[in-house]
Amino acid sequence: MEAKPNIVTDDVVDLEEYAKAGHTPPRVTHYRIRIDKNKYDVAVPSMTGRELLILAGKTPPTQYMIVQKFSGGQTKRIGLDERVDFTTPGVERFMTLPLDQTEG
């Protein structure tokens, strides 16, 4: 059996470290997620795009988009009401971008 990386501390799994090590994150009480350059500890196994944007201080969330980055470089845009499961293998981090403002 392959050893898991030593990146679980006090029941907190760092998703970025698990993805880089090629391991599937286990179900635990807290997950450490990275949005842009900041890390956040959350006590839920999944969140919506809207919840992630609010957590990162990107309000109103309708003015931003959030992109999920997987190990290996693939990216996926997350809809505001789309749920992201933190136990999915390869979830590395999230990036936010402001949406273009339309001139009125």
C-alpha atoms as a PDB file:
ATOM      1  CA  MET A   1       0.000   0.000   0.000  1.00  0.00           C
ATOM      2  CA  GLU A   2       1.357   3.395  -0.997  1.00  0.00           C
ATOM      3  CA  ALA A   3       2.001   5.853   1.841  1.00  0.00           C
ATOM      4  CA  LYS A   4      -0.087   8.995   1.920  1.00  0.00           C
ATOM      5  CA  PRO A   5       1.719  12.323   2.003  1.00  0.00           C
ATOM      6  CA  ASN A   6       2.085  13.812   5.471  1.00  0.00           C
ATOM      7  CA  ILE A   7      -0.219  16.737   4.789  1.00  0.00           C
ATOM      8  CA  VAL A   8      -3.093  16.052   7.148  1.00  0.00           C
ATOM      9  CA  THR A   9      -2.782  18.076  10.320  1.00  0.00           C
ATOM     10  CA  ASP A  10      -5.550  18.192  12.917  1.00  0.00           C
ATOM     11  CA  ASP A  11      -7.997  16.672  10.427  1.00  0.00           C
ATOM     12  CA  VAL A  12      -7.271  19.339   7.788  1.00  0.00           C
ATOM     13  CA  VAL A  13      -6.488  18.146   4.257  1.00  0.00           C
ATOM     14  CA  ASP A  14      -4.570  20.552   2.015  1.00  0.00           C
ATOM     15  CA  LEU A  15      -6.138  19.945  -1.411  1.00  0.00           C
ATOM     16  CA  GLU A  16      -3.268  21.509  -3.343  1.00  0.00           C
ATOM     17  CA  GLU A  17      -0.686  19.277  -1.653  1.00  0.00           C
ATOM     18  CA  TYR A  18      -2.817  16.145  -2.183  1.00  0.00           C
ATOM     19  CA  ALA A  19      -3.296  16.972  -5.875  1.00  0.00           C
ATOM     20  CA  LYS A  20       0.424  17.604  -6.406  1.00  0.00           C
ATOM     21  CA  ALA A  21       1.200  14.252  -4.727  1.00  0.00           C
ATOM     22  CA  GLY A  22      -1.344  12.484  -6.954  1.00  0.00           C
ATOM     23  CA  HIS A  23      -3.548  11.308  -4.084  1.00  0.00           C
ATOM     24  CA  THR A  24      -7.321  11.371  -3.631  1.00  0.00           C
ATOM     25  CA  PRO A  25      -8.276  13.494  -0.618  1.00  0.00           C
ATOM     26  CA  PRO A  26     -10.079  11.550   2.126  1.00  0.00           C
ATOM     27  CA  ARG A  27     -13.277  12.722   3.801  1.00  0.00           C
ATOM     28  CA  VAL A  28     -12.225  14.759   6.831  1.00  0.00           C
ATOM     29  CA  THR A  29     -13.658  17.532   8.969  1.00  0.00           C
ATOM     30  CA  HIS A  30     -11.768  20.397   7.276  1.00  0.00           C
ATOM     31  CA  TYR A  31     -10.262  21.107   3.885  1.00  0.00           C
ATOM     32  CA  ARG A  32      -7.615  23.711   3.083  1.00  0.00           C
ATOM     33  CA  ILE A  33      -8.380  25.255  -0.281  1.00  0.00           C
ATOM     34  CA  ARG A  34      -6.447  27.885  -2.193  1.00  0.00           C
ATOM     35  CA  ILE A  35      -8.263  30.678  -3.986  1.00  0.00           C
ATOM     36  CA  ASP A  36      -5.867  32.952  -5.873  1.00  0.00           C
ATOM     37  CA  LYS A  37      -2.931  33.430  -3.455  1.00  0.00           C
ATOM     38  CA  ASN A  38      -4.863  32.836  -0.208  1.00  0.00           C
ATOM     39  CA  LYS A  39      -5.610  29.608   1.646  1.00  0.00           C
ATOM     40  CA  TYR A  40      -8.867  28.995   3.506  1.00  0.00           C
ATOM     41  CA  ASP A  41      -9.880  26.210   5.885  1.00  0.00           C
ATOM     42  CA  VAL A  42     -13.475  25.121   5.310  1.00  0.00           C
ATOM     43  CA  ALA A  43     -15.562  22.636   7.304  1.00  0.00           C
ATOM     44  CA  VAL A  44     -17.577  21.284   4.355  1.00  0.00           C
ATOM     45  CA  PRO A  45     -16.691  18.709   1.638  1.00  0.00           C
ATOM     46  CA  SER A  46     -18.133  20.871  -1.174  1.00  0.00           C
ATOM     47  CA  MET A  47     -19.085  24.467  -1.991  1.00  0.00           C
ATOM     48  CA  THR A  48     -20.753  26.312  -4.864  1.00  0.00           C
ATOM     49  CA  GLY A  49     -18.934  28.754  -7.107  1.00  0.00           C
ATOM     50  CA  ARG A  50     -20.899  31.567  -5.419  1.00  0.00           C
ATOM     51  CA  GLU A  51     -19.814  30.406  -1.935  1.00  0.00           C
ATOM     52  CA  LEU A  52     -16.170  30.214  -3.045  1.00  0.00           C
ATOM     53  CA  LEU A  53     -16.281  33.735  -4.483  1.00  0.00           C
ATOM     54  CA  ILE A  54     -17.865  35.119  -1.303  1.00  0.00           C
ATOM     55  CA  LEU A  55     -15.260  33.307   0.811  1.00  0.00           C
ATOM     56  CA  ALA A  56     -12.533  34.988  -1.265  1.00  0.00           C
ATOM     57  CA  GLY A  57     -14.157  38.410  -0.788  1.00  0.00           C
ATOM     58  CA  LYS A  58     -15.214  38.712  -4.425  1.00  0.00           C
ATOM     59  CA  THR A  59     -18.543  40.481  -4.043  1.00  0.00           C
ATOM     60  CA  PRO A  60     -20.929  40.733  -5.607  1.00  0.00           C
ATOM     61  CA  PRO A  61     -20.153  37.236  -6.920  1.00  0.00           C
ATOM     62  CA  THR A  62     -22.064  37.957 -10.140  1.00  0.00           C
ATOM     63  CA  GLN A  63     -19.214  40.321 -11.123  1.00  0.00           C
ATOM     64  CA  TYR A  64     -16.588  37.538 -11.012  1.00  0.00           C
ATOM     65  CA  MET A  65     -15.929  34.109 -12.404  1.00  0.00           C
ATOM     66  CA  ILE A  66     -14.112  31.299 -10.656  1.00  0.00           C
ATOM     67  CA  VAL A  67     -11.966  28.684 -12.374  1.00  0.00           C
ATOM     68  CA  GLN A  68     -10.961  25.348 -10.886  1.00  0.00           C
ATOM     69  CA  LYS A  69      -7.403  24.192 -11.619  1.00  0.00           C
ATOM     70  CA  PHE A  70      -6.573  20.499 -11.626  1.00  0.00           C
ATOM     71  CA  SER A  71      -3.160  18.880 -11.289  1.00  0.00           C
ATOM     72  CA  GLY A  72      -1.739  18.556 -14.768  1.00  0.00           C
ATOM     73  CA  GLY A  73      -2.866  22.041 -15.747  1.00  0.00           C
ATOM     74  CA  GLN A  74      -6.471  21.454 -16.829  1.00  0.00           C
ATOM     75  CA  THR A  75      -8.949  24.161 -15.850  1.00  0.00           C
ATOM     76  CA  LYS A  76     -12.723  24.302 -15.607  1.00  0.00           C
ATOM     77  CA  ARG A  77     -14.950  27.317 -15.125  1.00  0.00           C
ATOM     78  CA  ILE A  78     -17.333  26.851 -12.200  1.00  0.00           C
ATOM     79  CA  GLY A  79     -20.851  28.254 -12.445  1.00  0.00           C
ATOM     80  CA  LEU A  80     -22.196  30.299  -9.521  1.00  0.00           C
ATOM     81  CA  ASP A  81     -24.623  27.540  -8.528  1.00  0.00           C
ATOM     82  CA  GLU A  82     -22.347  24.652  -9.526  1.00  0.00           C
ATOM     83  CA  ARG A  83     -21.059  22.565  -6.612  1.00  0.00           C
ATOM     84  CA  VAL A  84     -17.381  21.612  -6.337  1.00  0.00           C
ATOM     85  CA  ASP A  85     -16.595  18.379  -4.449  1.00  0.00           C
ATOM     86  CA  PHE A  86     -13.291  18.717  -2.568  1.00  0.00           C
ATOM     87  CA  THR A  87     -12.856  14.925  -2.465  1.00  0.00           C
ATOM     88  CA  THR A  88     -12.555  14.772  -6.270  1.00  0.00           C
ATOM     89  CA  PRO A  89      -9.045  13.601  -7.238  1.00  0.00           C
ATOM     90  CA  GLY A  90      -6.792  16.275  -8.721  1.00  0.00           C
ATOM     91  CA  VAL A  91      -8.566  19.406  -7.442  1.00  0.00           C
ATOM     92  CA  GLU A  92      -5.613  21.711  -6.898  1.00  0.00           C
ATOM     93  CA  ARG A  93      -6.808  25.296  -6.458  1.00  0.00           C
ATOM     94  CA  PHE A  94      -9.142  28.034  -7.659  1.00  0.00           C
ATOM     95  CA  MET A  95      -8.579  31.294  -9.501  1.00  0.00           C
ATOM     96  CA  THR A  96     -10.917  34.273  -9.741  1.00  0.00           C
ATOM     97  CA  LEU A  97     -11.252  36.791 -12.545  1.00  0.00           C
ATOM     98  CA  PRO A  98     -13.421  39.899 -12.754  1.00  0.00           C
ATOM     99  CA  LEU A  99     -15.989  39.745 -15.520  1.00  0.00           C
ATOM    100  CA  ASP A 100     -15.799  42.482 -18.157  1.00  0.00           C
ATOM    101  CA  GLN A 101     -17.906  45.468 -17.269  1.00  0.00           C
ATOM    102  CA  THR A 102     -20.331  46.598 -19.931  1.00  0.00           C
ATOM    103  CA  GLU A 103     -20.627  50.306 -20.552  1.00  0.00           C
ATOM    104  CA  GLY A 104     -24.070  51.733 -20.026  1.00  0.00           C
END
